[in-house]
């Protein structure tokens, strides 16, 4: 075991020396992007499209012309009545009478009532910091930026009767991970057991 600890100390010393020399090479660190493929390329573009849809006026065909069609457009969900109720009743779980009048009428009538749901997000993940400390799993810092836009359109008898949205126009987060033993972090429990 003493020999393992000496090897670990030697490796740590070498990594520390090299990392000091490469501390300015953050451009070598990986980046990642998470993007839901739908209609919009930005939060403001999504919100502008949402504002063009008017309950009681916008038809199902107009939605399709705008590109909102689950049969053609990626990541547009078609919700039946049960799924639609589950999503919309979250805010009013105890009393359906608190729902919008048009929604209540659509759900209680014998007419076709369904919804389109769009959940779009865009996240850029960029690791920054010391390349070697990151590479050997000692210390990792990731900056996350992006946006998110979620909307639901309820359609009854071929007309949008209700719409709702939520979103995060400016996501800024950071993630820090520290492993004092670096690449040996996961091996530590097995060394202790011996």
C-alpha atoms as a PDB file:
ATOM      1  CA  UNK A   1       0.000   0.000   0.000  1.00  0.00           C
ATOM      2  CA  UNK A   2       2.892   2.381   0.768  1.00  0.00           C
ATOM      3  CA  UNK A   3       4.220   1.756  -2.721  1.00  0.00           C
ATOM      4  CA  UNK A   4       0.822   2.708  -4.229  1.00  0.00           C
ATOM      5  CA  UNK A   5       0.789   5.939  -2.258  1.00  0.00           C
ATOM      6  CA  UNK A   6       4.325   6.820  -3.443  1.00  0.00           C
ATOM      7  CA  UNK A   7       3.282   6.200  -7.059  1.00  0.00           C
ATOM      8  CA  UNK A   8       0.200   8.333  -6.568  1.00  0.00           C
ATOM      9  CA  UNK A   9       2.301  11.157  -5.075  1.00  0.00           C
ATOM     10  CA  UNK A  10       4.749  10.987  -7.988  1.00  0.00           C
ATOM     11  CA  UNK A  11       1.948  11.130 -10.551  1.00  0.00           C
ATOM     12  CA  UNK A  12       0.328  14.054  -8.742  1.00  0.00           C
ATOM     13  CA  UNK A  13       3.651  15.924  -8.691  1.00  0.00           C
ATOM     14  CA  UNK A  14       4.162  15.430 -12.432  1.00  0.00           C
ATOM     15  CA  UNK A  15       0.583  16.467 -13.215  1.00  0.00           C
ATOM     16  CA  UNK A  16       0.872  19.584 -11.083  1.00  0.00           C
ATOM     17  CA  UNK A  17       4.125  20.630 -12.795  1.00  0.00           C
ATOM     18  CA  UNK A  18       2.720  20.084 -16.281  1.00  0.00           C
ATOM     19  CA  UNK A  19      -0.598  21.742 -15.425  1.00  0.00           C
ATOM     20  CA  UNK A  20       1.148  24.941 -14.392  1.00  0.00           C
ATOM     21  CA  UNK A  21       2.728  25.094 -17.833  1.00  0.00           C
ATOM     22  CA  UNK A  22      -0.556  24.503 -19.654  1.00  0.00           C
ATOM     23  CA  UNK A  23      -2.854  26.604 -17.478  1.00  0.00           C
ATOM     24  CA  UNK A  24      -3.536  29.017 -20.346  1.00  0.00           C
ATOM     25  CA  UNK A  25      -4.706  26.326 -22.794  1.00  0.00           C
ATOM     26  CA  UNK A  26      -8.400  26.370 -21.853  1.00  0.00           C
ATOM     27  CA  UNK A  27      -9.335  26.255 -25.547  1.00  0.00           C
ATOM     28  CA  UNK A  28      -8.324  22.572 -25.486  1.00  0.00           C
ATOM     29  CA  UNK A  29     -11.193  21.766 -23.130  1.00  0.00           C
ATOM     30  CA  UNK A  30     -14.361  20.205 -24.539  1.00  0.00           C
ATOM     31  CA  UNK A  31     -17.571  22.071 -25.220  1.00  0.00           C
ATOM     32  CA  UNK A  32     -21.066  20.660 -25.681  1.00  0.00           C
ATOM     33  CA  UNK A  33     -24.401  21.853 -26.981  1.00  0.00           C
ATOM     34  CA  UNK A  34     -27.898  20.609 -26.149  1.00  0.00           C
ATOM     35  CA  UNK A  35     -30.550  21.740 -28.576  1.00  0.00           C
ATOM     36  CA  UNK A  36     -34.135  20.605 -29.084  1.00  0.00           C
ATOM     37  CA  UNK A  37     -34.795  20.740 -32.815  1.00  0.00           C
ATOM     38  CA  UNK A  38     -37.985  22.724 -33.370  1.00  0.00           C
ATOM     39  CA  UNK A  39     -39.046  25.880 -35.100  1.00  0.00           C
ATOM     40  CA  UNK A  40     -37.194  28.591 -33.254  1.00  0.00           C
ATOM     41  CA  UNK A  41     -33.553  29.538 -32.943  1.00  0.00           C
ATOM     42  CA  UNK A  42     -33.885  31.920 -29.999  1.00  0.00           C
ATOM     43  CA  UNK A  43     -36.142  32.684 -27.053  1.00  0.00           C
ATOM     44  CA  UNK A  44     -37.373  35.934 -28.607  1.00  0.00           C
ATOM     45  CA  UNK A  45     -38.207  34.154 -31.878  1.00  0.00           C
ATOM     46  CA  UNK A  46     -40.260  31.569 -29.949  1.00  0.00           C
ATOM     47  CA  UNK A  47     -42.097  34.247 -27.971  1.00  0.00           C
ATOM     48  CA  UNK A  48     -42.879  36.277 -31.106  1.00  0.00           C
ATOM     49  CA  UNK A  49     -44.425  33.192 -32.753  1.00  0.00           C
ATOM     50  CA  UNK A  50     -46.461  32.543 -29.603  1.00  0.00           C
ATOM     51  CA  UNK A  51     -47.860  36.102 -29.616  1.00  0.00           C
ATOM     52  CA  UNK A  52     -49.134  35.654 -33.210  1.00  0.00           C
ATOM     53  CA  UNK A  53     -51.471  32.852 -32.141  1.00  0.00           C
ATOM     54  CA  UNK A  54     -54.809  34.275 -30.966  1.00  0.00           C
ATOM     55  CA  UNK A  55     -57.304  32.090 -29.063  1.00  0.00           C
ATOM     56  CA  UNK A  56     -60.709  32.068 -30.747  1.00  0.00           C
ATOM     57  CA  UNK A  57     -59.173  33.154 -34.080  1.00  0.00           C
ATOM     58  CA  UNK A  58     -56.156  31.066 -35.093  1.00  0.00           C
ATOM     59  CA  UNK A  59     -57.216  27.883 -36.874  1.00  0.00           C
ATOM     60  CA  UNK A  60     -55.558  24.483 -36.886  1.00  0.00           C
ATOM     61  CA  UNK A  61     -54.633  25.038 -40.553  1.00  0.00           C
ATOM     62  CA  UNK A  62     -52.960  28.352 -39.670  1.00  0.00           C
ATOM     63  CA  UNK A  63     -50.930  26.577 -36.967  1.00  0.00           C
ATOM     64  CA  UNK A  64     -49.782  24.069 -39.595  1.00  0.00           C
ATOM     65  CA  UNK A  65     -48.871  26.914 -41.949  1.00  0.00           C
ATOM     66  CA  UNK A  66     -46.725  28.393 -39.150  1.00  0.00           C
ATOM     67  CA  UNK A  67     -44.977  25.020 -38.873  1.00  0.00           C
ATOM     68  CA  UNK A  68     -46.693  23.804 -35.713  1.00  0.00           C
ATOM     69  CA  UNK A  69     -47.712  20.298 -36.731  1.00  0.00           C
ATOM     70  CA  UNK A  70     -46.683  17.147 -34.827  1.00  0.00           C
ATOM     71  CA  UNK A  71     -46.921  15.085 -38.027  1.00  0.00           C
ATOM     72  CA  UNK A  72     -44.271  17.222 -39.720  1.00  0.00           C
ATOM     73  CA  UNK A  73     -42.383  19.271 -37.111  1.00  0.00           C
ATOM     74  CA  UNK A  74     -39.911  17.628 -34.739  1.00  0.00           C
ATOM     75  CA  UNK A  75     -40.585  17.693 -31.001  1.00  0.00           C
ATOM     76  CA  UNK A  76     -44.174  18.940 -31.129  1.00  0.00           C
ATOM     77  CA  UNK A  77     -46.254  16.671 -28.884  1.00  0.00           C
ATOM     78  CA  UNK A  78     -49.886  15.853 -29.540  1.00  0.00           C
ATOM     79  CA  UNK A  79     -51.748  15.619 -26.229  1.00  0.00           C
ATOM     80  CA  UNK A  80     -55.033  13.800 -25.797  1.00  0.00           C
ATOM     81  CA  UNK A  81     -57.579  14.895 -23.240  1.00  0.00           C
ATOM     82  CA  UNK A  82     -56.064  12.974 -20.302  1.00  0.00           C
ATOM     83  CA  UNK A  83     -52.527  14.332 -20.867  1.00  0.00           C
ATOM     84  CA  UNK A  84     -53.882  17.808 -21.464  1.00  0.00           C
ATOM     85  CA  UNK A  85     -55.866  17.726 -18.200  1.00  0.00           C
ATOM     86  CA  UNK A  86     -52.866  16.465 -16.246  1.00  0.00           C
ATOM     87  CA  UNK A  87     -50.711  19.373 -17.467  1.00  0.00           C
ATOM     88  CA  UNK A  88     -53.322  22.093 -17.090  1.00  0.00           C
ATOM     89  CA  UNK A  89     -54.751  21.007 -13.732  1.00  0.00           C
ATOM     90  CA  UNK A  90     -51.393  21.289 -11.946  1.00  0.00           C
ATOM     91  CA  UNK A  91     -52.192  24.893 -11.037  1.00  0.00           C
ATOM     92  CA  UNK A  92     -55.801  24.096 -10.020  1.00  0.00           C
ATOM     93  CA  UNK A  93     -55.773  20.510  -8.725  1.00  0.00           C
ATOM     94  CA  UNK A  94     -58.811  20.802  -6.500  1.00  0.00           C
ATOM     95  CA  UNK A  95     -61.353  22.577  -8.674  1.00  0.00           C
ATOM     96  CA  UNK A  96     -61.795  22.256 -12.443  1.00  0.00           C
ATOM     97  CA  UNK A  97     -64.122  25.295 -12.292  1.00  0.00           C
ATOM     98  CA  UNK A  98     -61.030  27.486 -11.854  1.00  0.00           C
ATOM     99  CA  UNK A  99     -59.885  26.585 -15.381  1.00  0.00           C
ATOM    100  CA  UNK A 100     -60.430  28.942 -18.294  1.00  0.00           C
ATOM    101  CA  UNK A 101     -64.087  28.885 -19.474  1.00  0.00           C
ATOM    102  CA  UNK A 102     -63.158  27.861 -23.035  1.00  0.00           C
ATOM    103  CA  UNK A 103     -61.068  24.970 -21.684  1.00  0.00           C
ATOM    104  CA  UNK A 104     -63.912  23.703 -19.508  1.00  0.00           C
ATOM    105  CA  UNK A 105     -66.349  23.841 -22.409  1.00  0.00           C
ATOM    106  CA  UNK A 106     -63.949  22.068 -24.759  1.00  0.00           C
ATOM    107  CA  UNK A 107     -63.250  19.269 -22.295  1.00  0.00           C
ATOM    108  CA  UNK A 108     -66.873  18.776 -21.288  1.00  0.00           C
ATOM    109  CA  UNK A 109     -68.294  18.817 -24.829  1.00  0.00           C
ATOM    110  CA  UNK A 110     -68.468  15.895 -27.207  1.00  0.00           C
ATOM    111  CA  UNK A 111     -66.354  17.809 -29.717  1.00  0.00           C
ATOM    112  CA  UNK A 112     -62.743  17.014 -30.502  1.00  0.00           C
ATOM    113  CA  UNK A 113     -60.461  18.651 -27.960  1.00  0.00           C
ATOM    114  CA  UNK A 114     -56.677  18.153 -27.937  1.00  0.00           C
ATOM    115  CA  UNK A 115     -53.475  20.120 -27.472  1.00  0.00           C
ATOM    116  CA  UNK A 116     -50.068  20.682 -29.010  1.00  0.00           C
ATOM    117  CA  UNK A 117     -47.172  21.030 -26.606  1.00  0.00           C
ATOM    118  CA  UNK A 118     -43.756  22.369 -27.513  1.00  0.00           C
ATOM    119  CA  UNK A 119     -40.829  22.173 -25.104  1.00  0.00           C
ATOM    120  CA  UNK A 120     -37.730  23.734 -26.592  1.00  0.00           C
ATOM    121  CA  UNK A 121     -34.398  24.356 -24.938  1.00  0.00           C
ATOM    122  CA  UNK A 122     -30.927  25.342 -25.993  1.00  0.00           C
ATOM    123  CA  UNK A 123     -27.904  24.879 -23.717  1.00  0.00           C
ATOM    124  CA  UNK A 124     -24.239  25.560 -24.409  1.00  0.00           C
ATOM    125  CA  UNK A 125     -21.786  23.896 -22.040  1.00  0.00           C
ATOM    126  CA  UNK A 126     -18.208  25.143 -21.992  1.00  0.00           C
ATOM    127  CA  UNK A 127     -15.518  23.783 -19.706  1.00  0.00           C
ATOM    128  CA  UNK A 128     -12.985  26.346 -18.535  1.00  0.00           C
ATOM    129  CA  UNK A 129      -9.923  26.263 -16.331  1.00  0.00           C
ATOM    130  CA  UNK A 130      -6.716  24.279 -16.248  1.00  0.00           C
ATOM    131  CA  UNK A 131      -6.509  21.679 -19.035  1.00  0.00           C
ATOM    132  CA  UNK A 132      -4.507  19.065 -17.144  1.00  0.00           C
ATOM    133  CA  UNK A 133      -6.480  19.356 -13.926  1.00  0.00           C
ATOM    134  CA  UNK A 134      -9.603  18.849 -16.045  1.00  0.00           C
ATOM    135  CA  UNK A 135      -8.099  16.079 -18.177  1.00  0.00           C
ATOM    136  CA  UNK A 136      -6.969  14.082 -15.167  1.00  0.00           C
ATOM    137  CA  UNK A 137     -10.274  14.669 -13.381  1.00  0.00           C
ATOM    138  CA  UNK A 138      -8.895  16.754 -10.482  1.00  0.00           C
ATOM    139  CA  UNK A 139     -10.981  19.856 -11.070  1.00  0.00           C
ATOM    140  CA  UNK A 140     -13.624  20.713 -13.638  1.00  0.00           C
ATOM    141  CA  UNK A 141     -15.536  23.937 -14.122  1.00  0.00           C
ATOM    142  CA  UNK A 142     -18.352  24.140 -16.665  1.00  0.00           C
ATOM    143  CA  UNK A 143     -20.236  27.287 -17.682  1.00  0.00           C
ATOM    144  CA  UNK A 144     -23.773  26.648 -18.929  1.00  0.00           C
ATOM    145  CA  UNK A 145     -25.748  29.234 -20.895  1.00  0.00           C
ATOM    146  CA  UNK A 146     -28.881  29.133 -23.003  1.00  0.00           C
ATOM    147  CA  UNK A 147     -32.650  29.509 -22.960  1.00  0.00           C
ATOM    148  CA  UNK A 148     -35.865  27.500 -22.637  1.00  0.00           C
ATOM    149  CA  UNK A 149     -39.396  28.042 -23.996  1.00  0.00           C
ATOM    150  CA  UNK A 150     -42.407  25.817 -23.308  1.00  0.00           C
ATOM    151  CA  UNK A 151     -45.901  26.329 -24.680  1.00  0.00           C
ATOM    152  CA  UNK A 152     -49.208  24.552 -25.007  1.00  0.00           C
ATOM    153  CA  UNK A 153     -52.010  25.276 -27.485  1.00  0.00           C
ATOM    154  CA  UNK A 154     -55.449  23.735 -26.861  1.00  0.00           C
ATOM    155  CA  UNK A 155     -57.499  23.151 -29.997  1.00  0.00           C
ATOM    156  CA  UNK A 156     -61.257  22.609 -30.049  1.00  0.00           C
ATOM    157  CA  UNK A 157     -63.263  22.179 -33.252  1.00  0.00           C
ATOM    158  CA  UNK A 158     -60.272  23.188 -35.352  1.00  0.00           C
ATOM    159  CA  UNK A 159     -59.625  26.517 -33.545  1.00  0.00           C
ATOM    160  CA  UNK A 160     -57.061  27.418 -30.885  1.00  0.00           C
ATOM    161  CA  UNK A 161     -59.161  28.073 -27.787  1.00  0.00           C
ATOM    162  CA  UNK A 162     -56.432  28.463 -25.173  1.00  0.00           C
ATOM    163  CA  UNK A 163     -52.689  29.005 -24.982  1.00  0.00           C
ATOM    164  CA  UNK A 164     -50.151  29.084 -22.181  1.00  0.00           C
ATOM    165  CA  UNK A 165     -46.384  29.569 -22.030  1.00  0.00           C
ATOM    166  CA  UNK A 166     -43.451  29.582 -19.670  1.00  0.00           C
ATOM    167  CA  UNK A 167     -39.765  30.038 -20.212  1.00  0.00           C
ATOM    168  CA  UNK A 168     -36.298  31.100 -19.199  1.00  0.00           C
ATOM    169  CA  UNK A 169     -34.900  33.692 -21.596  1.00  0.00           C
ATOM    170  CA  UNK A 170     -31.402  33.778 -20.116  1.00  0.00           C
ATOM    171  CA  UNK A 171     -29.977  30.685 -18.440  1.00  0.00           C
ATOM    172  CA  UNK A 172     -26.585  31.214 -16.757  1.00  0.00           C
ATOM    173  CA  UNK A 173     -25.264  28.420 -14.545  1.00  0.00           C
ATOM    174  CA  UNK A 174     -21.935  27.022 -13.477  1.00  0.00           C
ATOM    175  CA  UNK A 175     -20.968  23.542 -12.373  1.00  0.00           C
ATOM    176  CA  UNK A 176     -17.869  22.745 -10.314  1.00  0.00           C
ATOM    177  CA  UNK A 177     -16.504  19.266  -9.713  1.00  0.00           C
ATOM    178  CA  UNK A 178     -13.495  18.560  -7.523  1.00  0.00           C
ATOM    179  CA  UNK A 179     -11.754  15.212  -7.029  1.00  0.00           C
ATOM    180  CA  UNK A 180      -8.689  15.431  -4.757  1.00  0.00           C
ATOM    181  CA  UNK A 181      -7.406  12.074  -6.019  1.00  0.00           C
ATOM    182  CA  UNK A 182      -8.031  12.892  -9.682  1.00  0.00           C
ATOM    183  CA  UNK A 183      -8.062   9.780 -11.852  1.00  0.00           C
ATOM    184  CA  UNK A 184      -7.668   7.633  -8.722  1.00  0.00           C
ATOM    185  CA  UNK A 185     -10.796   9.016  -7.052  1.00  0.00           C
ATOM    186  CA  UNK A 186     -12.938   6.003  -7.925  1.00  0.00           C
ATOM    187  CA  UNK A 187     -10.153   3.635  -6.924  1.00  0.00           C
ATOM    188  CA  UNK A 188      -9.859   5.060  -3.390  1.00  0.00           C
ATOM    189  CA  UNK A 189     -12.532   2.816  -1.777  1.00  0.00           C
ATOM    190  CA  UNK A 190     -10.906  -0.343  -3.192  1.00  0.00           C
ATOM    191  CA  UNK A 191      -7.460   0.711  -1.857  1.00  0.00           C
ATOM    192  CA  UNK A 192      -8.882   1.324   1.623  1.00  0.00           C
ATOM    193  CA  UNK A 193     -10.536  -2.131   1.723  1.00  0.00           C
ATOM    194  CA  UNK A 194      -7.210  -3.921   1.107  1.00  0.00           C
END
